[in-house]
C-alpha atoms as a PDB file:
ATOM      1  CA  MET A   1      21.138  86.649 -80.038  1.00  0.00           C
ATOM      2  CA  ARG A   2      21.856  83.861 -77.510  1.00  0.00           C
ATOM      3  CA  ARG A   3      24.804  82.666 -79.581  1.00  0.00           C
ATOM      4  CA  LEU A   4      26.313  86.134 -79.421  1.00  0.00           C
ATOM      5  CA  VAL A   5      26.121  86.106 -75.618  1.00  0.00           C
ATOM      6  CA  TYR A   6      28.013  82.804 -75.538  1.00  0.00           C
ATOM      7  CA  LEU A   7      30.661  84.038 -78.008  1.00  0.00           C
ATOM      8  CA  LEU A   8      31.282  87.350 -76.246  1.00  0.00           C
ATOM      9  CA  PRO A   9      33.637  85.947 -73.530  1.00  0.00           C
ATOM     10  CA  ALA A  10      35.673  84.104 -76.165  1.00  0.00           C
ATOM     11  CA  LEU A  11      35.911  87.255 -78.260  1.00  0.00           C
ATOM     12  CA  VAL A  12      37.048  89.339 -75.269  1.00  0.00           C
ATOM     13  CA  PHE A  13      39.617  86.665 -74.364  1.00  0.00           C
ATOM     14  CA  ALA A  14      40.953  86.638 -77.940  1.00  0.00           C
ATOM     15  CA  LEU A  15      41.337  90.442 -77.965  1.00  0.00           C
ATOM     16  CA  VAL A  16      43.165  90.475 -74.611  1.00  0.00           C
ATOM     17  CA  ALA A  17      45.438  87.608 -75.726  1.00  0.00           C
ATOM     18  CA  ALA A  18      46.287  89.422 -78.981  1.00  0.00           C
ATOM     19  CA  TYR A  19      47.120  92.604 -77.070  1.00  0.00           C
ATOM     20  CA  LEU A  20      49.404  90.721 -74.659  1.00  0.00           C
ATOM     21  CA  LEU A  21      51.126  88.824 -77.476  1.00  0.00           C
ATOM     22  CA  ALA A  22      51.817  92.092 -79.287  1.00  0.00           C
ATOM     23  CA  GLY A  23      53.443  93.421 -76.105  1.00  0.00           C
ATOM     24  CA  LEU A  24      55.811  90.450 -75.984  1.00  0.00           C
ATOM     25  CA  SER A  25      57.275  91.446 -79.331  1.00  0.00           C
ATOM     26  CA  LEU A  26      58.360  94.904 -78.099  1.00  0.00           C
ATOM     27  CA  ASP A  27      61.992  95.636 -77.250  1.00  0.00           C
ATOM     28  CA  PRO A  28      62.226  96.364 -73.494  1.00  0.00           C
ATOM     29  CA  ARG A  29      65.280  98.566 -74.119  1.00  0.00           C
ATOM     30  CA  ALA A  30      63.346 100.802 -76.486  1.00  0.00           C
ATOM     31  CA  LEU A  31      62.140 103.247 -73.877  1.00  0.00           C
ATOM     32  CA  PRO A  32      60.667 106.415 -75.303  1.00  0.00           C
ATOM     33  CA  SER A  33      62.681 109.573 -74.843  1.00  0.00           C
ATOM     34  CA  ALA A  34      61.175 113.005 -75.221  1.00  0.00           C
ATOM     35  CA  LEU A  35      64.703 114.409 -75.590  1.00  0.00           C
ATOM     36  CA  ILE A  36      65.607 112.833 -78.943  1.00  0.00           C
ATOM     37  CA  ASP A  37      66.458 115.638 -81.421  1.00  0.00           C
ATOM     38  CA  LYS A  38      66.282 118.212 -78.635  1.00  0.00           C
ATOM     39  CA  PRO A  39      69.164 120.106 -76.990  1.00  0.00           C
ATOM     40  CA  ALA A  40      70.862 118.392 -74.058  1.00  0.00           C
ATOM     41  CA  PRO A  41      69.360 119.497 -70.745  1.00  0.00           C
ATOM     42  CA  SER A  42      70.919 122.404 -68.921  1.00  0.00           C
ATOM     43  CA  PHE A  43      73.252 121.164 -66.191  1.00  0.00           C
ATOM     44  CA  ASP A  44      76.584 121.967 -64.560  1.00  0.00           C
ATOM     45  CA  LEU A  45      78.222 119.238 -62.487  1.00  0.00           C
ATOM     46  CA  PRO A  46      81.392 119.409 -60.375  1.00  0.00           C
ATOM     47  CA  ALA A  47      84.525 117.475 -61.265  1.00  0.00           C
ATOM     48  CA  LEU A  48      85.390 114.036 -59.952  1.00  0.00           C
ATOM     49  CA  GLY A  49      88.413 115.083 -57.927  1.00  0.00           C
ATOM     50  CA  ASP A  50      91.437 115.576 -60.146  1.00  0.00           C
ATOM     51  CA  VAL A  51      90.529 112.614 -62.390  1.00  0.00           C
ATOM     52  CA  ALA A  52      88.849 114.795 -65.024  1.00  0.00           C
ATOM     53  CA  PRO A  53      87.250 118.238 -65.258  1.00  0.00           C
ATOM     54  CA  GLY A  54      83.558 118.626 -64.395  1.00  0.00           C
ATOM     55  CA  LEU A  55      80.825 118.454 -67.003  1.00  0.00           C
ATOM     56  CA  GLY A  56      78.117 120.860 -68.052  1.00  0.00           C
ATOM     57  CA  THR A  57      75.920 121.732 -70.997  1.00  0.00           C
ATOM     58  CA  ALA A  58      78.519 124.190 -72.289  1.00  0.00           C
ATOM     59  CA  ASP A  59      80.981 121.290 -72.743  1.00  0.00           C
ATOM     60  CA  LEU A  60      78.710 119.498 -75.202  1.00  0.00           C
ATOM     61  CA  GLY A  61      78.549 120.448 -78.836  1.00  0.00           C
ATOM     62  CA  GLY A  62      81.130 121.246 -81.455  1.00  0.00           C
ATOM     63  CA  GLU A  63      81.789 117.535 -81.981  1.00  0.00           C
ATOM     64  CA  VAL A  64      79.831 114.299 -81.964  1.00  0.00           C
ATOM     65  CA  ALA A  65      80.240 112.667 -78.560  1.00  0.00           C
ATOM     66  CA  LEU A  66      78.825 110.141 -76.116  1.00  0.00           C
ATOM     67  CA  VAL A  67      77.501 110.937 -72.662  1.00  0.00           C
ATOM     68  CA  ASN A  68      77.557 107.859 -70.447  1.00  0.00           C
ATOM     69  CA  VAL A  69      75.702 107.770 -67.139  1.00  0.00           C
ATOM     70  CA  PHE A  70      77.468 105.298 -64.840  1.00  0.00           C
ATOM     71  CA  ALA A  71      78.150 104.360 -61.224  1.00  0.00           C
ATOM     72  CA  SER A  72      80.852 102.318 -59.525  1.00  0.00           C
ATOM     73  CA  TRP A  73      78.217 100.211 -57.740  1.00  0.00           C
ATOM     74  CA  CYS A  74      76.574  99.268 -61.054  1.00  0.00           C
ATOM     75  CA  VAL A  75      77.532  95.769 -62.271  1.00  0.00           C
ATOM     76  CA  PRO A  76      76.377  96.379 -65.889  1.00  0.00           C
ATOM     77  CA  CYS A  77      78.515  99.553 -65.903  1.00  0.00           C
ATOM     78  CA  ARG A  78      81.574  97.381 -65.246  1.00  0.00           C
ATOM     79  CA  ALA A  79      80.534  95.054 -68.063  1.00  0.00           C
ATOM     80  CA  GLU A  80      80.232  97.872 -70.635  1.00  0.00           C
ATOM     81  CA  HIS A  81      83.374  99.716 -69.546  1.00  0.00           C
ATOM     82  CA  PRO A  82      85.793  97.899 -71.926  1.00  0.00           C
ATOM     83  CA  LEU A  83      83.591  98.939 -74.858  1.00  0.00           C
ATOM     84  CA  LEU A  84      83.725 102.604 -73.775  1.00  0.00           C
ATOM     85  CA  MET A  85      87.515 102.309 -73.452  1.00  0.00           C
ATOM     86  CA  ARG A  86      87.672 100.865 -76.973  1.00  0.00           C
ATOM     87  CA  LEU A  87      85.420 103.570 -78.474  1.00  0.00           C
ATOM     88  CA  ALA A  88      87.557 106.308 -76.906  1.00  0.00           C
ATOM     89  CA  ALA A  89      90.984 104.781 -77.637  1.00  0.00           C
ATOM     90  CA  GLU A  90      90.578 103.030 -80.984  1.00  0.00           C
ATOM     91  CA  LYS A  91      87.872 105.086 -82.643  1.00  0.00           C
ATOM     92  CA  GLY A  92      88.568 108.506 -81.121  1.00  0.00           C
ATOM     93  CA  VAL A  93      84.994 108.958 -79.947  1.00  0.00           C
ATOM     94  CA  PRO A  94      84.823 111.636 -77.222  1.00  0.00           C
ATOM     95  CA  VAL A  95      83.164 110.084 -74.167  1.00  0.00           C
ATOM     96  CA  TYR A  96      81.847 112.183 -71.282  1.00  0.00           C
ATOM     97  CA  GLY A  97      80.670 110.699 -68.010  1.00  0.00           C
ATOM     98  CA  ILE A  98      78.030 111.477 -65.419  1.00  0.00           C
ATOM     99  CA  ALA A  99      78.726 109.687 -62.138  1.00  0.00           C
ATOM    100  CA  HIS A 100      75.186 108.969 -60.971  1.00  0.00           C
ATOM    101  CA  LYS A 101      74.542 108.938 -57.202  1.00  0.00           C
ATOM    102  CA  ASP A 102      78.053 107.676 -56.545  1.00  0.00           C
ATOM    103  CA  LYS A 103      80.588 108.451 -53.846  1.00  0.00           C
ATOM    104  CA  PRO A 104      83.484 110.298 -55.491  1.00  0.00           C
ATOM    105  CA  ALA A 105      86.078 108.038 -53.824  1.00  0.00           C
ATOM    106  CA  ASP A 106      84.304 104.918 -55.130  1.00  0.00           C
ATOM    107  CA  ALA A 107      84.009 106.363 -58.660  1.00  0.00           C
ATOM    108  CA  MET A 108      87.717 107.266 -58.654  1.00  0.00           C
ATOM    109  CA  ARG A 109      88.663 103.722 -57.553  1.00  0.00           C
ATOM    110  CA  PHE A 110      86.393 102.311 -60.283  1.00  0.00           C
ATOM    111  CA  LEU A 111      88.263 104.333 -62.925  1.00  0.00           C
ATOM    112  CA  GLU A 112      91.686 103.541 -61.452  1.00  0.00           C
ATOM    113  CA  ARG A 113      90.965  99.807 -61.746  1.00  0.00           C
ATOM    114  CA  LEU A 114      89.242  99.764 -65.138  1.00  0.00           C
ATOM    115  CA  GLY A 115      90.727 102.795 -66.890  1.00  0.00           C
ATOM    116  CA  ASN A 116      89.272 106.190 -67.696  1.00  0.00           C
ATOM    117  CA  PRO A 117      87.645 106.641 -71.121  1.00  0.00           C
ATOM    118  CA  TYR A 118      86.066 109.972 -70.107  1.00  0.00           C
ATOM    119  CA  ARG A 119      87.294 113.400 -71.213  1.00  0.00           C
ATOM    120  CA  ARG A 120      85.166 115.059 -68.534  1.00  0.00           C
ATOM    121  CA  ILE A 121      83.180 113.628 -65.631  1.00  0.00           C
ATOM    122  CA  GLY A 122      80.429 115.355 -63.709  1.00  0.00           C
ATOM    123  CA  VAL A 123      79.426 114.137 -60.276  1.00  0.00           C
ATOM    124  CA  ASP A 124      75.632 113.911 -60.028  1.00  0.00           C
ATOM    125  CA  ALA A 125      75.486 113.185 -56.297  1.00  0.00           C
ATOM    126  CA  ASP A 126      71.739 113.721 -55.881  1.00  0.00           C
ATOM    127  CA  GLY A 127      70.677 112.410 -59.295  1.00  0.00           C
ATOM    128  CA  ARG A 128      68.969 115.624 -60.414  1.00  0.00           C
ATOM    129  CA  ALA A 129      70.953 115.989 -63.634  1.00  0.00           C
ATOM    130  CA  SER A 130      70.237 112.354 -64.499  1.00  0.00           C
ATOM    131  CA  ILE A 131      66.529 113.004 -64.023  1.00  0.00           C
ATOM    132  CA  GLU A 132      66.780 115.959 -66.423  1.00  0.00           C
ATOM    133  CA  TRP A 133      68.335 113.588 -68.972  1.00  0.00           C
ATOM    134  CA  GLY A 134      65.418 111.178 -68.474  1.00  0.00           C
ATOM    135  CA  VAL A 135      67.618 108.432 -67.062  1.00  0.00           C
ATOM    136  CA  TYR A 136      65.670 105.430 -65.753  1.00  0.00           C
ATOM    137  CA  GLY A 137      68.730 103.680 -64.333  1.00  0.00           C
ATOM    138  CA  VAL A 138      72.404 103.157 -64.967  1.00  0.00           C
ATOM    139  CA  PRO A 139      73.999 102.658 -67.357  1.00  0.00           C
ATOM    140  CA  GLU A 140      72.549 104.758 -70.119  1.00  0.00           C
ATOM    141  CA  THR A 141      74.429 106.259 -73.037  1.00  0.00           C
ATOM    142  CA  PHE A 142      73.463 109.198 -75.235  1.00  0.00           C
ATOM    143  CA  VAL A 143      74.870 110.284 -78.592  1.00  0.00           C
ATOM    144  CA  ILE A 144      75.174 114.070 -78.858  1.00  0.00           C
ATOM    145  CA  ASP A 145      75.608 115.831 -82.208  1.00  0.00           C
ATOM    146  CA  ARG A 146      77.772 118.871 -82.995  1.00  0.00           C
ATOM    147  CA  ALA A 147      74.928 121.236 -82.095  1.00  0.00           C
ATOM    148  CA  GLY A 148      74.560 119.678 -78.628  1.00  0.00           C
ATOM    149  CA  ARG A 149      71.325 117.835 -79.464  1.00  0.00           C
ATOM    150  CA  ILE A 150      70.571 114.317 -78.260  1.00  0.00           C
ATOM    151  CA  ARG A 151      70.382 112.043 -81.309  1.00  0.00           C
ATOM    152  CA  HIS A 152      70.321 108.558 -79.799  1.00  0.00           C
ATOM    153  CA  ARG A 153      69.751 106.921 -76.435  1.00  0.00           C
ATOM    154  CA  HIS A 154      70.894 103.458 -75.407  1.00  0.00           C
ATOM    155  CA  VAL A 155      69.361 102.046 -72.235  1.00  0.00           C
ATOM    156  CA  GLY A 156      71.370  99.417 -70.375  1.00  0.00           C
ATOM    157  CA  ALA A 157      74.897  98.166 -70.780  1.00  0.00           C
ATOM    158  CA  LEU A 158      76.569  98.462 -74.142  1.00  0.00           C
ATOM    159  CA  GLY A 159      77.681  95.062 -75.367  1.00  0.00           C
ATOM    160  CA  PRO A 160      79.780  93.799 -78.269  1.00  0.00           C
ATOM    161  CA  GLN A 161      76.636  93.654 -80.437  1.00  0.00           C
ATOM    162  CA  ASP A 162      76.148  97.406 -79.870  1.00  0.00           C
ATOM    163  CA  PHE A 163      79.654  98.484 -80.933  1.00  0.00           C
ATOM    164  CA  ALA A 164      79.113  98.606 -84.716  1.00  0.00           C
ATOM    165  CA  PRO A 165      75.598 100.166 -84.628  1.00  0.00           C
ATOM    166  CA  LEU A 166      76.708 102.848 -82.140  1.00  0.00           C
ATOM    167  CA  LEU A 167      79.821 103.607 -84.155  1.00  0.00           C
ATOM    168  CA  ALA A 168      77.677 103.839 -87.316  1.00  0.00           C
ATOM    169  CA  ILE A 169      75.452 106.462 -85.651  1.00  0.00           C
ATOM    170  CA  VAL A 170      78.502 108.455 -84.554  1.00  0.00           C
ATOM    171  CA  GLU A 171      80.079 108.273 -88.035  1.00  0.00           C
ATOM    172  CA  ARG A 172      76.814 109.254 -89.742  1.00  0.00           C
ATOM    173  CA  LEU A 173      76.541 112.325 -87.507  1.00  0.00           C
ATOM    174  CA  ARG A 174      80.213 113.187 -88.041  1.00  0.00           C
ATOM    175  CA  THR A 175      79.773 113.258 -91.806  1.00  0.00           C
ATOM    176  CA  SER A 176      76.419 115.048 -91.921  1.00  0.00           C
END
């Protein structure tokens, strides 16, 4: 019995260490989303000046598309922007934007400098629509199927390594 008392702290330490090591193997970008396979949230956002029409739930569906939540003040948003331009121009992927807590003038300047991959852009000045989408921070990108359901969520900036997997998801949904 005395041996067990001496081994108990070592056993507890080993269990805690195993739990922490298992946590290190998790992907920090793999945030759970309760919206996967569910319809896009109901929202209706005003347009970003005359840059593009506004965006709402009624605009989603009928085709496979991306919804990208961005802001002009977001450095990772600038980094991923060329990839969004490429998806829209080269691959014909419809890209819709939600300008998250951004000043319209700043968002318009951002798009003037870097180009506009978005078919429609909704201004989410207070961030409420982004909260409905479950956005933790910008940028985040969602793949929407023809029925207007969210099929995939990418947290953080899209990089070159994400181009082929994202395009594969879009193509799979286009052909199904």
